[in-house]
Each structure stands twice: as structure tokens, then as C-alpha cells.
């Protein structure tokens, strides 16, 4: 009989009574297997035509296991955003007391390396393809973007930044992050994500400085 994550079975031994043994059905890599299966199916069949049952079946698991890890199939695409929001916020709050706003953003982008691993790069590319092809998930993505930006802004305000500076810093940080993701996905080497992120932030700062020197057209 199966119940939740535990399956009861009976062990028969010669000359002894049968007795129940608790056999764990927990798969320690279940979330990763479900994520891989879902992204593969989204790319192969399209997001809308992929069901939770198909994802679970491809992963060799069941629907109940899927819903223990994800609220719905959209969360497969955006569940990692919660991790990023935490990494960004913690890095900014943990920066040196005399760190500038730019230094805080640099610390946040470096912290993203914990989530943007080489193993995740192929999945990141798949996510970009799926999101670009579906309006529904694009809208969900905007909400997640706002949540991460809010985490950055709140952390900057906690360090003493005024509201406008904190909001501007959050948007610049998120733009640098998106640019870095694009370049990271397109690169043909194993450079860590943090290098792309740092370069993107520097370029944005350079372009912003150039804007103040350009004459209107």
C-alpha cells in the first residue's frame, strides 16, 4: 500500500511471521528531475500543451511528487527567482558599511553565481525560449521581476538609500542581470556568470555617464 512518501511492504523470512517494513519513496533529486523533464517537454511540445502528468511521467515520478516541489508548471520556470531575491538581498545587506550603491549591486550580482551554475546554463537557455513563446508566462515573469527588484530596493533602503535611489539601483541591477544572462547563454566558454554580470554593470554605468554628456538631438 502506498501512502504519501512511504510504501509499506512485507518481508518474508523462513520460519518467521511476515512483518511490515517502511520503504522510503523519497527521491533526493526529485526537484531537479522534474525541472529537467518539464523544460525538455516545454521546448519539445510547447508550454501550453505540456501537462503536469506528462512532466511527472517523464521524470519517473508522480503528480503528488510534482506538487510537493512546485505549485504549478509555471513555477518550474520561475521558482528559482525566489532564491535570487534572497541572494541579492542578503548580499546587499552584508556588504561593507561604507560600500557605495554600485558596490552593493556588484556584491548582489556576484552572489547570483550560487544559482547561475554551469549546470544551470542550458536550463536558463531553455527558459528564455519558453518564456519568449508564451504571453501567459511572460506576465508571470514580470511579477517575479518586480519581486526581485523589490528585494534589492528594500535592502538598499535598509542601508540608508533614499527611495528614488533605491528604486533606480534595483532597476539598474535587474537590467545588468538580464543582460548578463543573455551573454552568459550565448557565450561559448565556461566563464562564470559573475564575470558577465560585472561587465554588464560596468557597461551600463559607462552608457549612463555618456548620456549626461551627449547633446540633445
Protein backbone atom coordinates (compact mmCIF):
# COMPACT_ATOMS: atom_id res chain seq x y z
CA UNK A 1 0.00 0.00 0.00
CA UNK A 2 1.28 3.46 -0.82
CA UNK A 3 0.75 6.49 1.34
CA UNK A 4 2.48 9.81 0.71
CA UNK A 5 6.19 9.28 0.54
CA UNK A 6 6.12 5.91 2.28
CA UNK A 7 5.32 2.50 0.87
CA UNK A 8 4.50 -0.48 3.07
CA UNK A 9 5.81 -3.84 2.01
CA UNK A 10 6.16 -7.20 3.72
CA UNK A 11 9.33 -9.13 4.21
CA UNK A 12 9.01 -12.93 4.40
CA UNK A 13 11.67 -14.93 6.18
CA UNK A 14 11.70 -18.69 6.66
CA UNK A 15 10.13 -19.72 9.92
CA UNK A 16 9.10 -16.22 10.85
CA UNK A 17 5.96 -14.15 10.58
CA UNK A 18 5.73 -11.55 7.88
CA UNK A 19 6.13 -8.03 9.17
CA UNK A 20 5.76 -4.60 7.55
CA UNK A 21 8.84 -2.62 6.56
CA UNK A 22 8.72 1.09 5.82
CA UNK A 23 10.38 1.78 2.47
CA UNK A 24 11.01 5.42 1.65
CA UNK A 25 9.77 6.62 -1.72
CA UNK A 26 11.56 9.96 -1.37
CA UNK A 27 13.81 10.79 -4.30
CA UNK A 28 16.52 13.23 -3.17
CA UNK A 29 16.92 14.56 -6.73
CA UNK A 30 13.20 14.74 -7.49
CA UNK A 31 13.07 18.52 -7.95
CA UNK A 32 15.96 18.51 -10.40
CA UNK A 33 14.48 15.59 -12.34
CA UNK A 34 11.10 17.31 -12.56
CA UNK A 35 12.69 20.58 -13.65
CA UNK A 36 14.73 18.87 -16.37
CA UNK A 37 11.74 16.89 -17.62
CA UNK A 38 9.48 19.95 -17.67
CA UNK A 39 11.90 22.16 -19.57
CA UNK A 40 12.59 19.44 -22.12
CA UNK A 41 8.85 18.95 -22.68
CA UNK A 42 8.15 22.68 -22.86
CA UNK A 43 10.72 23.00 -25.64
CA UNK A 44 9.61 19.84 -27.44
CA UNK A 45 5.83 20.20 -27.23
CA UNK A 46 5.19 23.78 -26.17
CA UNK A 47 4.35 25.10 -22.73
CA UNK A 48 0.58 25.07 -23.13
CA UNK A 49 0.47 21.51 -24.48
CA UNK A 50 2.56 20.07 -21.66
CA UNK A 51 0.72 18.71 -18.62
CA UNK A 52 1.87 18.06 -15.07
CA UNK A 53 1.14 14.37 -15.59
CA UNK A 54 3.47 14.30 -18.59
CA UNK A 55 6.20 16.04 -16.64
CA UNK A 56 5.94 13.64 -13.73
CA UNK A 57 5.90 10.65 -16.08
CA UNK A 58 9.00 11.87 -17.96
CA UNK A 59 10.77 12.30 -14.62
CA UNK A 60 9.73 8.84 -13.46
CA UNK A 61 7.70 10.28 -10.58
CA UNK A 62 4.04 11.00 -9.85
CA UNK A 63 1.81 14.08 -9.76
CA UNK A 64 1.86 14.21 -5.96
CA UNK A 65 5.64 14.49 -6.01
CA UNK A 66 5.44 17.28 -8.58
CA UNK A 67 3.11 19.32 -6.38
CA UNK A 68 5.35 18.84 -3.36
CA UNK A 69 8.01 20.82 -5.22
CA UNK A 70 6.05 23.19 -7.49
CA UNK A 71 2.71 24.97 -7.06
CA UNK A 72 2.06 24.65 -10.80
CA UNK A 73 4.01 24.19 -14.03
CA UNK A 74 4.74 27.92 -14.27
CA UNK A 75 6.78 27.64 -11.10
CA UNK A 76 9.19 25.35 -12.94
CA UNK A 77 10.15 28.40 -14.97
CA UNK A 78 10.24 30.93 -12.14
CA UNK A 79 10.75 29.04 -8.89
CA UNK A 80 14.44 29.97 -8.90
CA UNK A 81 13.56 33.65 -8.74
CA UNK A 82 12.82 33.28 -5.02
CA UNK A 83 16.37 32.07 -4.50
CA UNK A 84 17.75 35.01 -6.48
CA UNK A 85 15.71 37.51 -4.50
CA UNK A 86 17.19 36.12 -1.30
CA UNK A 87 20.74 36.04 -2.64
CA UNK A 88 20.55 39.63 -3.88
CA UNK A 89 19.03 40.98 -0.69
CA UNK A 90 21.43 39.12 1.62
CA UNK A 91 24.49 40.22 -0.38
CA UNK A 92 23.48 43.88 -0.26
CA UNK A 93 22.72 43.79 3.46
CA UNK A 94 26.02 42.00 4.09
CA UNK A 95 28.16 44.45 2.11
CA UNK A 96 30.71 46.64 3.86
CA UNK A 97 29.11 49.52 5.81
CA UNK A 98 30.92 52.05 3.61
CA UNK A 99 30.08 50.31 0.32
CA UNK A 100 28.65 52.53 -2.40
CA UNK A 101 25.38 51.73 -4.13
CA UNK A 102 27.35 50.40 -7.10
CA UNK A 103 29.45 48.19 -4.84
CA UNK A 104 26.27 46.82 -3.32
CA UNK A 105 24.91 45.94 -6.75
CA UNK A 106 28.22 44.29 -7.64
CA UNK A 107 28.00 42.18 -4.50
CA UNK A 108 24.45 41.16 -5.38
CA UNK A 109 25.39 40.10 -8.90
CA UNK A 110 28.40 38.12 -7.66
CA UNK A 111 26.12 36.33 -5.19
CA UNK A 112 23.98 35.17 -8.11
CA UNK A 113 26.79 32.77 -9.03
CA UNK A 114 25.40 30.42 -6.38
CA UNK A 115 22.31 29.94 -8.54
CA UNK A 116 23.73 30.55 -12.03
CA UNK A 117 25.97 27.49 -12.15
CA UNK A 118 27.40 25.92 -15.34
CA UNK A 119 24.90 23.09 -14.91
CA UNK A 120 22.07 25.62 -14.96
CA UNK A 121 23.16 27.42 -18.14
CA UNK A 122 21.41 25.02 -20.54
CA UNK A 123 18.25 25.25 -18.45
CA UNK A 124 18.46 29.04 -18.47
CA UNK A 125 18.58 28.99 -22.26
CA UNK A 126 15.53 26.72 -22.35
CA UNK A 127 13.63 29.06 -20.04
CA UNK A 128 14.34 32.01 -22.31
CA UNK A 129 12.91 30.14 -25.30
CA UNK A 130 9.79 29.02 -23.45
CA UNK A 131 9.04 32.43 -21.93
CA UNK A 132 9.55 34.21 -25.26
CA UNK A 133 6.95 31.96 -26.88
CA UNK A 134 4.18 32.33 -24.29
CA UNK A 135 2.38 35.50 -23.20
CA UNK A 136 0.99 33.94 -20.03
CA UNK A 137 4.39 33.07 -18.63
CA UNK A 138 5.75 36.45 -19.70
CA UNK A 139 3.22 38.09 -17.39
CA UNK A 140 4.24 35.78 -14.55
CA UNK A 141 7.84 36.67 -15.28
CA UNK A 142 7.11 40.38 -14.88
CA UNK A 143 5.68 39.72 -11.41
CA UNK A 144 8.78 37.77 -10.44
CA UNK A 145 10.97 40.55 -11.82
CA UNK A 146 9.13 43.04 -9.65
CA UNK A 147 9.59 40.82 -6.60
CA UNK A 148 13.37 40.59 -7.08
CA UNK A 149 13.63 44.32 -7.78
CA UNK A 150 11.65 44.92 -4.60
CA UNK A 151 14.09 42.78 -2.63
CA UNK A 152 17.05 44.79 -3.95
CA UNK A 153 15.30 48.10 -3.30
CA UNK A 154 14.36 47.11 0.26
CA UNK A 155 17.93 46.03 1.03
CA UNK A 156 19.30 49.32 -0.31
CA UNK A 157 16.81 51.34 1.74
CA UNK A 158 17.81 49.36 4.83
CA UNK A 159 21.35 50.63 4.24
CA UNK A 160 20.15 54.22 4.17
CA UNK A 161 19.48 54.84 0.49
CA UNK A 162 16.58 57.16 -0.26
CA UNK A 163 13.52 55.78 -2.04
CA UNK A 164 14.36 57.04 -5.52
CA UNK A 165 17.99 55.93 -5.36
CA UNK A 166 16.95 52.50 -4.10
CA UNK A 167 14.42 52.06 -6.90
CA UNK A 168 16.89 53.23 -9.52
CA UNK A 169 19.56 50.91 -8.13
CA UNK A 170 17.15 47.98 -8.24
CA UNK A 171 16.23 48.59 -11.87
CA UNK A 172 19.87 49.04 -12.92
CA UNK A 173 20.78 45.85 -11.08
CA UNK A 174 17.99 43.90 -12.76
CA UNK A 175 18.90 45.25 -16.20
CA UNK A 176 22.53 44.24 -15.65
CA UNK A 177 21.33 40.80 -14.56
CA UNK A 178 19.18 40.31 -17.67
CA UNK A 179 21.98 41.44 -19.99
CA UNK A 180 24.39 39.10 -18.21
CA UNK A 181 22.00 36.17 -18.61
CA UNK A 182 21.75 36.82 -22.36
CA UNK A 183 25.53 36.97 -22.76
CA UNK A 184 26.11 34.01 -20.46
CA UNK A 185 23.72 31.89 -22.51
CA UNK A 186 25.30 32.99 -25.78
CA UNK A 187 28.91 32.51 -24.70
CA UNK A 188 30.90 29.54 -25.94
CA UNK A 189 33.19 29.30 -22.91
CA UNK A 190 32.91 28.39 -19.25
CA UNK A 191 33.35 31.86 -17.80
CA UNK A 192 31.32 32.19 -14.59
CA UNK A 193 28.13 34.19 -14.63
CA UNK A 194 29.60 36.76 -12.23
CA UNK A 195 32.10 37.93 -14.87
CA UNK A 196 29.31 38.63 -17.36
CA UNK A 197 27.29 40.38 -14.66
CA UNK A 198 30.17 42.62 -13.60
CA UNK A 199 30.87 43.55 -17.21
CA UNK A 200 27.20 44.35 -17.84
CA UNK A 201 27.02 46.60 -14.79
CA UNK A 202 30.18 48.49 -15.81
CA UNK A 203 28.84 48.97 -19.32
CA UNK A 204 25.54 50.34 -18.03
CA UNK A 205 27.41 52.81 -15.84
CA UNK A 206 29.53 53.92 -18.80
CA UNK A 207 26.48 54.39 -21.02
CA UNK A 208 24.68 56.34 -18.29
CA UNK A 209 27.66 58.67 -17.94
CA UNK A 210 27.74 59.17 -21.72
CA UNK A 211 24.08 60.17 -21.72
CA UNK A 212 24.81 63.09 -19.43
CA UNK A 213 27.47 64.37 -21.86
CA UNK A 214 25.51 63.97 -25.10
CA UNK A 215 23.71 66.87 -26.66
CA UNK A 216 20.01 66.51 -27.41
CA UNK A 217 19.01 65.56 -30.92
